[in-house]
PDB file of N, CA and C in Angstrom:
ATOM      1  N   UNK A   1       0.841  -1.170   0.000  1.00  0.00           N
ATOM      2  CA  UNK A   1       0.000   0.000   0.000  1.00  0.00           C
ATOM      3  C   UNK A   1       0.892   1.240   0.000  1.00  0.00           C
ATOM      4  N   UNK A   2       0.542   2.201  -0.855  1.00  0.00           N
ATOM      5  CA  UNK A   2       1.324   3.422  -0.959  1.00  0.00           C
ATOM      6  C   UNK A   2       1.006   4.372   0.194  1.00  0.00           C
ATOM      7  N   UNK A   3       2.023   5.101   0.610  1.00  0.00           N
ATOM      8  CA  UNK A   3       1.831   6.123   1.626  1.00  0.00           C
ATOM      9  C   UNK A   3       1.267   7.368   0.948  1.00  0.00           C
ATOM     10  N   UNK A   4       0.301   8.005   1.597  1.00  0.00           N
ATOM     11  CA  UNK A   4      -0.311   9.204   1.037  1.00  0.00           C
ATOM     12  C   UNK A   4       0.680  10.363   1.084  1.00  0.00           C
ATOM     13  N   UNK A   5       0.663  11.162   0.029  1.00  0.00           N
ATOM     14  CA  UNK A   5       1.538  12.328  -0.025  1.00  0.00           C
ATOM     15  C   UNK A   5       0.849  13.509   0.643  1.00  0.00           C
ATOM     16  N   UNK A   6       1.606  14.251   1.405  1.00  0.00           N
ATOM     17  CA  UNK A   6       1.123  15.493   1.990  1.00  0.00           C
ATOM     18  C   UNK A   6       1.805  16.632   1.255  1.00  0.00           C
ATOM     19  N   UNK A   7       1.027  17.330   0.453  1.00  0.00           N
ATOM     20  CA  UNK A   7       1.581  18.436  -0.316  1.00  0.00           C
ATOM     21  C   UNK A   7       1.463  19.726   0.481  1.00  0.00           C
ATOM     22  N   UNK A   8       2.458  20.572   0.334  1.00  0.00           N
ATOM     23  CA  UNK A   8       2.462  21.845   1.058  1.00  0.00           C
ATOM     24  C   UNK A   8       1.413  22.782   0.451  1.00  0.00           C
ATOM     25  N   UNK A   9       0.945  23.730   1.246  1.00  0.00           N
ATOM     26  CA  UNK A   9       0.000  24.714   0.707  1.00  0.00           C
ATOM     27  C   UNK A   9       0.575  25.497  -0.471  1.00  0.00           C
ATOM     28  N   UNK A  10       1.876  25.765  -0.440  1.00  0.00           N
ATOM     29  CA  UNK A  10       2.510  26.477  -1.558  1.00  0.00           C
ATOM     30  C   UNK A  10       2.431  25.662  -2.841  1.00  0.00           C
ATOM     31  N   UNK A  11       2.684  24.358  -2.735  1.00  0.00           N
ATOM     32  CA  UNK A  11       2.612  23.473  -3.895  1.00  0.00           C
ATOM     33  C   UNK A  11       1.187  23.433  -4.436  1.00  0.00           C
ATOM     34  N   UNK A  12       0.213  23.288  -3.538  1.00  0.00           N
ATOM     35  CA  UNK A  12      -1.190  23.235  -3.953  1.00  0.00           C
ATOM     36  C   UNK A  12      -1.595  24.523  -4.662  1.00  0.00           C
ATOM     37  N   UNK A  13      -1.165  25.662  -4.121  1.00  0.00           N
ATOM     38  CA  UNK A  13      -1.502  26.950  -4.727  1.00  0.00           C
ATOM     39  C   UNK A  13      -0.878  27.080  -6.110  1.00  0.00           C
ATOM     40  N   UNK A  14       0.353  26.622  -6.237  1.00  0.00           N
ATOM     41  CA  UNK A  14       1.053  26.695  -7.522  1.00  0.00           C
ATOM     42  C   UNK A  14       0.331  25.868  -8.576  1.00  0.00           C
ATOM     43  N   UNK A  15      -0.033  24.643  -8.219  1.00  0.00           N
ATOM     44  CA  UNK A  15      -0.718  23.754  -9.162  1.00  0.00           C
ATOM     45  C   UNK A  15      -2.112  24.295  -9.473  1.00  0.00           C
ATOM     46  N   UNK A  16      -2.823  24.762  -8.453  1.00  0.00           N
ATOM     47  CA  UNK A  16      -4.170  25.305  -8.661  1.00  0.00           C
ATOM     48  C   UNK A  16      -4.130  26.526  -9.569  1.00  0.00           C
ATOM     49  N   UNK A  17      -3.138  27.379  -9.397  1.00  0.00           N
ATOM     50  CA  UNK A  17      -3.010  28.561 -10.243  1.00  0.00           C
ATOM     51  C   UNK A  17      -2.776  28.173 -11.697  1.00  0.00           C
ATOM     52  N   UNK A  18      -1.944  27.175 -11.906  1.00  0.00           N
ATOM     53  CA  UNK A  18      -1.721  26.700 -13.274  1.00  0.00           C
ATOM     54  C   UNK A  18      -3.008  26.122 -13.858  1.00  0.00           C
ATOM     55  N   UNK A  19      -3.785  25.435 -13.040  1.00  0.00           N
ATOM     56  CA  UNK A  19      -5.054  24.871 -13.507  1.00  0.00           C
ATOM     57  C   UNK A  19      -6.049  25.982 -13.843  1.00  0.00           C
ATOM     58  N   UNK A  20      -6.046  27.049 -13.053  1.00  0.00           N
ATOM     59  CA  UNK A  20      -6.950  28.184 -13.313  1.00  0.00           C
ATOM     60  C   UNK A  20      -6.578  28.869 -14.617  1.00  0.00           C
ATOM     61  N   UNK A  21      -5.300  28.967 -14.894  1.00  0.00           N
ATOM     62  CA  UNK A  21      -4.841  29.601 -16.134  1.00  0.00           C
ATOM     63  C   UNK A  21      -5.279  28.827 -17.372  1.00  0.00           C
ATOM     64  N   UNK A  22      -5.465  27.528 -17.226  1.00  0.00           N
ATOM     65  CA  UNK A  22      -5.908  26.628 -18.298  1.00  0.00           C
ATOM     66  C   UNK A  22      -4.972  26.628 -19.509  1.00  0.00           C
ATOM     67  N   UNK A  23      -3.672  26.805 -19.260  1.00  0.00           N
ATOM     68  CA  UNK A  23      -2.691  26.696 -20.335  1.00  0.00           C
ATOM     69  C   UNK A  23      -2.385  25.233 -20.621  1.00  0.00           C
ATOM     70  N   UNK A  24      -2.630  24.368 -19.634  1.00  0.00           N
ATOM     71  CA  UNK A  24      -2.450  22.931 -19.782  1.00  0.00           C
ATOM     72  C   UNK A  24      -3.719  22.251 -19.268  1.00  0.00           C
ATOM     73  N   UNK A  25      -3.991  21.070 -19.773  1.00  0.00           N
ATOM     74  CA  UNK A  25      -5.146  20.324 -19.283  1.00  0.00           C
ATOM     75  C   UNK A  25      -4.822  19.733 -17.913  1.00  0.00           C
ATOM     76  N   UNK A  26      -5.876  19.289 -17.225  1.00  0.00           N
ATOM     77  CA  UNK A  26      -5.659  18.659 -15.925  1.00  0.00           C
ATOM     78  C   UNK A  26      -4.813  17.396 -16.070  1.00  0.00           C
ATOM     79  N   UNK A  27      -4.986  16.680 -17.175  1.00  0.00           N
ATOM     80  CA  UNK A  27      -4.195  15.470 -17.405  1.00  0.00           C
ATOM     81  C   UNK A  27      -2.712  15.812 -17.563  1.00  0.00           C
ATOM     82  N   UNK A  28      -2.430  16.892 -18.282  1.00  0.00           N
ATOM     83  CA  UNK A  28      -1.038  17.313 -18.465  1.00  0.00           C
ATOM     84  C   UNK A  28      -0.423  17.768 -17.147  1.00  0.00           C
ATOM     85  N   UNK A  29      -1.208  18.529 -16.379  1.00  0.00           N
ATOM     86  CA  UNK A  29      -0.723  18.960 -15.060  1.00  0.00           C
ATOM     87  C   UNK A  29      -0.514  17.760 -14.146  1.00  0.00           C
ATOM     88  N   UNK A  30      -1.390  16.787 -14.279  1.00  0.00           N
ATOM     89  CA  UNK A  30      -1.287  15.573 -13.475  1.00  0.00           C
ATOM     90  C   UNK A  30       0.026  14.850 -13.738  1.00  0.00           C
ATOM     91  N   UNK A  31       0.386  14.733 -14.989  1.00  0.00           N
ATOM     92  CA  UNK A  31       1.658  14.093 -15.339  1.00  0.00           C
ATOM     93  C   UNK A  31       2.844  14.933 -14.861  1.00  0.00           C
ATOM     94  N   UNK A  32       2.736  16.232 -15.055  1.00  0.00           N
ATOM     95  CA  UNK A  32       3.833  17.136 -14.712  1.00  0.00           C
ATOM     96  C   UNK A  32       4.141  17.099 -13.221  1.00  0.00           C
ATOM     97  N   UNK A  33       3.102  17.085 -12.388  1.00  0.00           N
ATOM     98  CA  UNK A  33       3.292  17.171 -10.941  1.00  0.00           C
ATOM     99  C   UNK A  33       3.047  15.859 -10.206  1.00  0.00           C
ATOM    100  N   UNK A  34       2.728  14.789 -10.921  1.00  0.00           N
ATOM    101  CA  UNK A  34       2.459  13.469 -10.332  1.00  0.00           C
ATOM    102  C   UNK A  34       1.344  13.540  -9.281  1.00  0.00           C
ATOM    103  N   UNK A  35       0.258  14.194  -9.654  1.00  0.00           N
ATOM    104  CA  UNK A  35      -0.915  14.333  -8.793  1.00  0.00           C
ATOM    105  C   UNK A  35      -2.130  13.944  -9.631  1.00  0.00           C
ATOM    106  N   UNK A  36      -3.088  13.275  -9.020  1.00  0.00           N
ATOM    107  CA  UNK A  36      -4.286  12.830  -9.733  1.00  0.00           C
ATOM    108  C   UNK A  36      -5.077  14.042 -10.232  1.00  0.00           C
ATOM    109  N   UNK A  37      -5.627  13.956 -11.458  1.00  0.00           N
ATOM    110  CA  UNK A  37      -6.382  15.092 -12.006  1.00  0.00           C
ATOM    111  C   UNK A  37      -7.559  15.525 -11.124  1.00  0.00           C
ATOM    112  N   UNK A  38      -8.206  14.579 -10.465  1.00  0.00           N
ATOM    113  CA  UNK A  38      -9.316  14.929  -9.579  1.00  0.00           C
ATOM    114  C   UNK A  38      -8.832  15.802  -8.430  1.00  0.00           C
ATOM    115  N   UNK A  39      -7.656  15.486  -7.910  1.00  0.00           N
ATOM    116  CA  UNK A  39      -7.090  16.274  -6.813  1.00  0.00           C
ATOM    117  C   UNK A  39      -6.787  17.689  -7.283  1.00  0.00           C
ATOM    118  N   UNK A  40      -6.250  17.818  -8.472  1.00  0.00           N
ATOM    119  CA  UNK A  40      -5.951  19.146  -9.023  1.00  0.00           C
ATOM    120  C   UNK A  40      -7.247  19.937  -9.189  1.00  0.00           C
ATOM    121  N   UNK A  41      -8.291  19.265  -9.665  1.00  0.00           N
ATOM    122  CA  UNK A  41      -9.593  19.923  -9.808  1.00  0.00           C
ATOM    123  C   UNK A  41     -10.138  20.398  -8.471  1.00  0.00           C
ATOM    124  N   UNK A  42      -9.946  19.598  -7.426  1.00  0.00           N
ATOM    125  CA  UNK A  42     -10.385  19.975  -6.080  1.00  0.00           C
ATOM    126  C   UNK A  42      -9.625  21.208  -5.590  1.00  0.00           C
ATOM    127  N   UNK A  43      -8.309  21.216  -5.799  1.00  0.00           N
ATOM    128  CA  UNK A  43      -7.502  22.368  -5.393  1.00  0.00           C
ATOM    129  C   UNK A  43      -7.912  23.617  -6.169  1.00  0.00           C
ATOM    130  N   UNK A  44      -8.186  23.453  -7.462  1.00  0.00           N
ATOM    131  CA  UNK A  44      -8.602  24.573  -8.304  1.00  0.00           C
ATOM    132  C   UNK A  44      -9.914  25.150  -7.793  1.00  0.00           C
ATOM    133  N   UNK A  45     -10.873  24.291  -7.503  1.00  0.00           N
ATOM    134  CA  UNK A  45     -12.179  24.721  -7.007  1.00  0.00           C
ATOM    135  C   UNK A  45     -12.041  25.445  -5.660  1.00  0.00           C
ATOM    136  N   UNK A  46     -11.211  24.889  -4.775  1.00  0.00           N
ATOM    137  CA  UNK A  46     -10.990  25.507  -3.466  1.00  0.00           C
ATOM    138  C   UNK A  46     -10.335  26.882  -3.618  1.00  0.00           C
ATOM    139  N   UNK A  47      -9.401  26.997  -4.542  1.00  0.00           N
ATOM    140  CA  UNK A  47      -8.714  28.273  -4.761  1.00  0.00           C
ATOM    141  C   UNK A  47      -9.695  29.326  -5.277  1.00  0.00           C
ATOM    142  N   UNK A  48     -10.556  28.940  -6.189  1.00  0.00           N
ATOM    143  CA  UNK A  48     -11.524  29.887  -6.739  1.00  0.00           C
ATOM    144  C   UNK A  48     -12.532  30.305  -5.667  1.00  0.00           C
ATOM    145  N   UNK A  49     -13.015  29.345  -4.886  1.00  0.00           N
ATOM    146  CA  UNK A  49     -14.011  29.649  -3.851  1.00  0.00           C
ATOM    147  C   UNK A  49     -13.455  30.535  -2.746  1.00  0.00           C
ATOM    148  N   UNK A  50     -12.170  30.381  -2.439  1.00  0.00           N
ATOM    149  CA  UNK A  50     -11.573  31.129  -1.330  1.00  0.00           C
ATOM    150  C   UNK A  50     -10.776  32.346  -1.780  1.00  0.00           C
ATOM    151  N   UNK A  51     -10.855  32.675  -3.039  1.00  0.00           N
ATOM    152  CA  UNK A  51     -10.076  33.786  -3.561  1.00  0.00           C
ATOM    153  C   UNK A  51     -10.502  35.116  -2.940  1.00  0.00           C
ATOM    154  N   UNK A  52     -11.774  35.292  -2.647  1.00  0.00           N
ATOM    155  CA  UNK A  52     -12.251  36.553  -2.064  1.00  0.00           C
ATOM    156  C   UNK A  52     -11.642  36.799  -0.683  1.00  0.00           C
ATOM    157  N   UNK A  53     -11.306  35.740   0.029  1.00  0.00           N
ATOM    158  CA  UNK A  53     -10.730  35.889   1.363  1.00  0.00           C
ATOM    159  C   UNK A  53      -9.385  36.605   1.319  1.00  0.00           C
ATOM    160  N   UNK A  54      -8.705  36.543   0.212  1.00  0.00           N
ATOM    161  CA  UNK A  54      -7.407  37.215   0.093  1.00  0.00           C
ATOM    162  C   UNK A  54      -7.557  38.732   0.099  1.00  0.00           C
ATOM    163  N   UNK A  55      -8.777  39.215  -0.196  1.00  0.00           N
ATOM    164  CA  UNK A  55      -8.988  40.652  -0.298  1.00  0.00           C
ATOM    165  C   UNK A  55      -9.809  41.220   0.851  1.00  0.00           C
ATOM    166  N   UNK A  56     -10.119  40.403   1.838  1.00  0.00           N
ATOM    167  CA  UNK A  56     -10.863  40.905   2.986  1.00  0.00           C
ATOM    168  C   UNK A  56      -9.888  41.408   4.031  1.00  0.00           C
ATOM    169  N   UNK A  57     -10.340  42.366   4.794  1.00  0.00           N
ATOM    170  CA  UNK A  57      -9.504  42.906   5.865  1.00  0.00           C
ATOM    171  C   UNK A  57      -9.490  41.918   7.013  1.00  0.00           C
ATOM    172  N   UNK A  58      -8.370  41.807   7.658  1.00  0.00           N
ATOM    173  CA  UNK A  58      -8.208  40.884   8.768  1.00  0.00           C
ATOM    174  C   UNK A  58      -8.607  41.527  10.088  1.00  0.00           C
ATOM    175  N   UNK A  59      -9.258  42.654  10.036  1.00  0.00           N
ATOM    176  CA  UNK A  59      -9.633  43.359  11.258  1.00  0.00           C
ATOM    177  C   UNK A  59      -8.767  44.585  11.422  1.00  0.00           C
ATOM    178  N   UNK A  60      -9.275  45.515  12.168  1.00  0.00           N
ATOM    179  CA  UNK A  60      -8.519  46.738  12.386  1.00  0.00           C
ATOM    180  C   UNK A  60      -7.485  46.527  13.483  1.00  0.00           C
ATOM    181  N   UNK A  61      -6.619  47.481  13.600  1.00  0.00           N
ATOM    182  CA  UNK A  61      -5.581  47.412  14.634  1.00  0.00           C
ATOM    183  C   UNK A  61      -6.248  47.464  16.001  1.00  0.00           C
ATOM    184  N   UNK A  62      -5.706  46.752  16.965  1.00  0.00           N
ATOM    185  CA  UNK A  62      -6.319  46.779  18.298  1.00  0.00           C
ATOM    186  C   UNK A  62      -6.274  48.188  18.889  1.00  0.00           C
ATOM    187  N   UNK A  63      -7.318  48.518  19.628  1.00  0.00           N
ATOM    188  CA  UNK A  63      -7.393  49.838  20.235  1.00  0.00           C
ATOM    189  C   UNK A  63      -6.366  49.955  21.363  1.00  0.00           C
ATOM    190  N   UNK A  64      -5.800  51.124  21.482  1.00  0.00           N
ATOM    191  CA  UNK A  64      -4.850  51.399  22.554  1.00  0.00           C
ATOM    192  C   UNK A  64      -5.624  51.871  23.773  1.00  0.00           C
ATOM    193  N   UNK A  65      -5.257  51.367  24.920  1.00  0.00           N
ATOM    194  CA  UNK A  65      -5.894  51.773  26.162  1.00  0.00           C
ATOM    195  C   UNK A  65      -5.025  52.855  26.790  1.00  0.00           C
ATOM    196  N   UNK A  66      -5.646  53.978  27.090  1.00  0.00           N
ATOM    197  CA  UNK A  66      -4.876  55.091  27.659  1.00  0.00           C
ATOM    198  C   UNK A  66      -4.561  54.822  29.129  1.00  0.00           C
ATOM    199  N   UNK A  67      -3.562  55.505  29.612  1.00  0.00           N
ATOM    200  CA  UNK A  67      -3.154  55.360  31.014  1.00  0.00           C
ATOM    201  C   UNK A  67      -4.266  55.811  31.946  1.00  0.00           C
ATOM    202  N   UNK A  68      -5.024  56.825  31.517  1.00  0.00           N
ATOM    203  CA  UNK A  68      -6.130  57.315  32.350  1.00  0.00           C
ATOM    204  C   UNK A  68      -7.195  56.231  32.510  1.00  0.00           C
ATOM    205  N   UNK A  69      -7.473  55.517  31.432  1.00  0.00           N
ATOM    206  CA  UNK A  69      -8.453  54.432  31.512  1.00  0.00           C
ATOM    207  C   UNK A  69      -7.963  53.319  32.432  1.00  0.00           C
ATOM    208  N   UNK A  70      -6.688  53.018  32.342  1.00  0.00           N
ATOM    209  CA  UNK A  70      -6.118  51.974  33.198  1.00  0.00           C
ATOM    210  C   UNK A  70      -6.221  52.386  34.664  1.00  0.00           C
ATOM    211  N   UNK A  71      -5.888  53.640  34.960  1.00  0.00           N
ATOM    212  CA  UNK A  71      -5.975  54.130  36.337  1.00  0.00           C
ATOM    213  C   UNK A  71      -7.414  54.090  36.843  1.00  0.00           C
ATOM    214  N   UNK A  72      -8.331  54.474  35.980  1.00  0.00           N
ATOM    215  CA  UNK A  72      -9.750  54.461  36.346  1.00  0.00           C
ATOM    216  C   UNK A  72     -10.208  53.039  36.666  1.00  0.00           C
ATOM    217  N   UNK A  73      -9.790  52.073  35.840  1.00  0.00           N
ATOM    218  CA  UNK A  73     -10.163  50.678  36.071  1.00  0.00           C
ATOM    219  C   UNK A  73      -9.523  50.117  37.341  1.00  0.00           C
ATOM    220  N   UNK A  74      -8.277  50.500  37.606  1.00  0.00           N
ATOM    221  CA  UNK A  74      -7.607  50.047  38.826  1.00  0.00           C
ATOM    222  C   UNK A  74      -8.331  50.566  40.070  1.00  0.00           C
ATOM    223  N   UNK A  75      -8.759  51.825  40.020  1.00  0.00           N
ATOM    224  CA  UNK A  75      -9.476  52.375  41.177  1.00  0.00           C
ATOM    225  C   UNK A  75     -10.822  51.683  41.356  1.00  0.00           C
ATOM    226  N   UNK A  76     -11.486  51.357  40.266  1.00  0.00           N
ATOM    227  CA  UNK A  76     -12.764  50.652  40.354  1.00  0.00           C
ATOM    228  C   UNK A  76     -12.564  49.256  40.955  1.00  0.00           C
ATOM    229  N   UNK A  77     -11.502  48.572  40.533  1.00  0.00           N
ATOM    230  CA  UNK A  77     -11.196  47.253  41.093  1.00  0.00           C
ATOM    231  C   UNK A  77     -10.946  47.361  42.585  1.00  0.00           C
ATOM    232  N   UNK A  78     -10.164  48.365  42.990  1.00  0.00           N
ATOM    233  CA  UNK A  78      -9.886  48.582  44.401  1.00  0.00           C
ATOM    234  C   UNK A  78     -11.167  48.819  45.190  1.00  0.00           C
ATOM    235  N   UNK A  79     -12.064  49.631  44.633  1.00  0.00           N
ATOM    236  CA  UNK A  79     -13.344  49.919  45.282  1.00  0.00           C
ATOM    237  C   UNK A  79     -14.168  48.643  45.440  1.00  0.00           C
ATOM    238  N   UNK A  80     -14.222  47.827  44.404  1.00  0.00           N
ATOM    239  CA  UNK A  80     -14.998  46.587  44.460  1.00  0.00           C
ATOM    240  C   UNK A  80     -14.400  45.594  45.452  1.00  0.00           C
ATOM    241  N   UNK A  81     -13.087  45.549  45.558  1.00  0.00           N
ATOM    242  CA  UNK A  81     -12.428  44.655  46.515  1.00  0.00           C
ATOM    243  C   UNK A  81     -12.778  45.071  47.944  1.00  0.00           C
ATOM    244  N   UNK A  82     -12.747  46.376  48.193  1.00  0.00           N
ATOM    245  CA  UNK A  82     -13.085  46.878  49.526  1.00  0.00           C
ATOM    246  C   UNK A  82     -14.534  46.538  49.854  1.00  0.00           C
ATOM    247  N   UNK A  83     -15.445  46.736  48.886  1.00  0.00           N
ATOM    248  CA  UNK A  83     -16.856  46.415  49.108  1.00  0.00           C
ATOM    249  C   UNK A  83     -17.047  44.922  49.378  1.00  0.00           C
ATOM    250  N   UNK A  84     -16.342  44.090  48.635  1.00  0.00           N
ATOM    251  CA  UNK A  84     -16.453  42.646  48.821  1.00  0.00           C
ATOM    252  C   UNK A  84     -15.939  42.242  50.200  1.00  0.00           C
ATOM    253  N   UNK A  85     -14.813  42.784  50.576  1.00  0.00           N
ATOM    254  CA  UNK A  85     -14.224  42.443  51.875  1.00  0.00           C
ATOM    255  C   UNK A  85     -15.098  42.926  53.027  1.00  0.00           C
ATOM    256  N   UNK A  86     -15.809  44.022  52.817  1.00  0.00           N
ATOM    257  CA  UNK A  86     -16.678  44.567  53.858  1.00  0.00           C
ATOM    258  C   UNK A  86     -17.866  43.638  54.116  1.00  0.00           C
ATOM    259  N   UNK A  87     -18.343  42.994  53.052  1.00  0.00           N
ATOM    260  CA  UNK A  87     -19.492  42.094  53.195  1.00  0.00           C
ATOM    261  C   UNK A  87     -19.022  40.824  53.836  1.00  0.00           C
TER     262      UNK A  87
END
């Protein structure tokens, strides 16, 4: 029994991009890279479906907390601790 190959994401992207370009058939790409044509088709489909994710923002920069806010929160924590201890 053959051991399954684990291809790197870079390799998959390279093959999928060539498949999207359609300069070679899936059979030709299959021979060139020693990968089954169905697998190349799957990678191509996944690349096309997830292409929009490359252009989405990953979120804005985290907000900076000012020293005044930190001091205010520390005093509130102190107040709550005193109230808790009093009860």
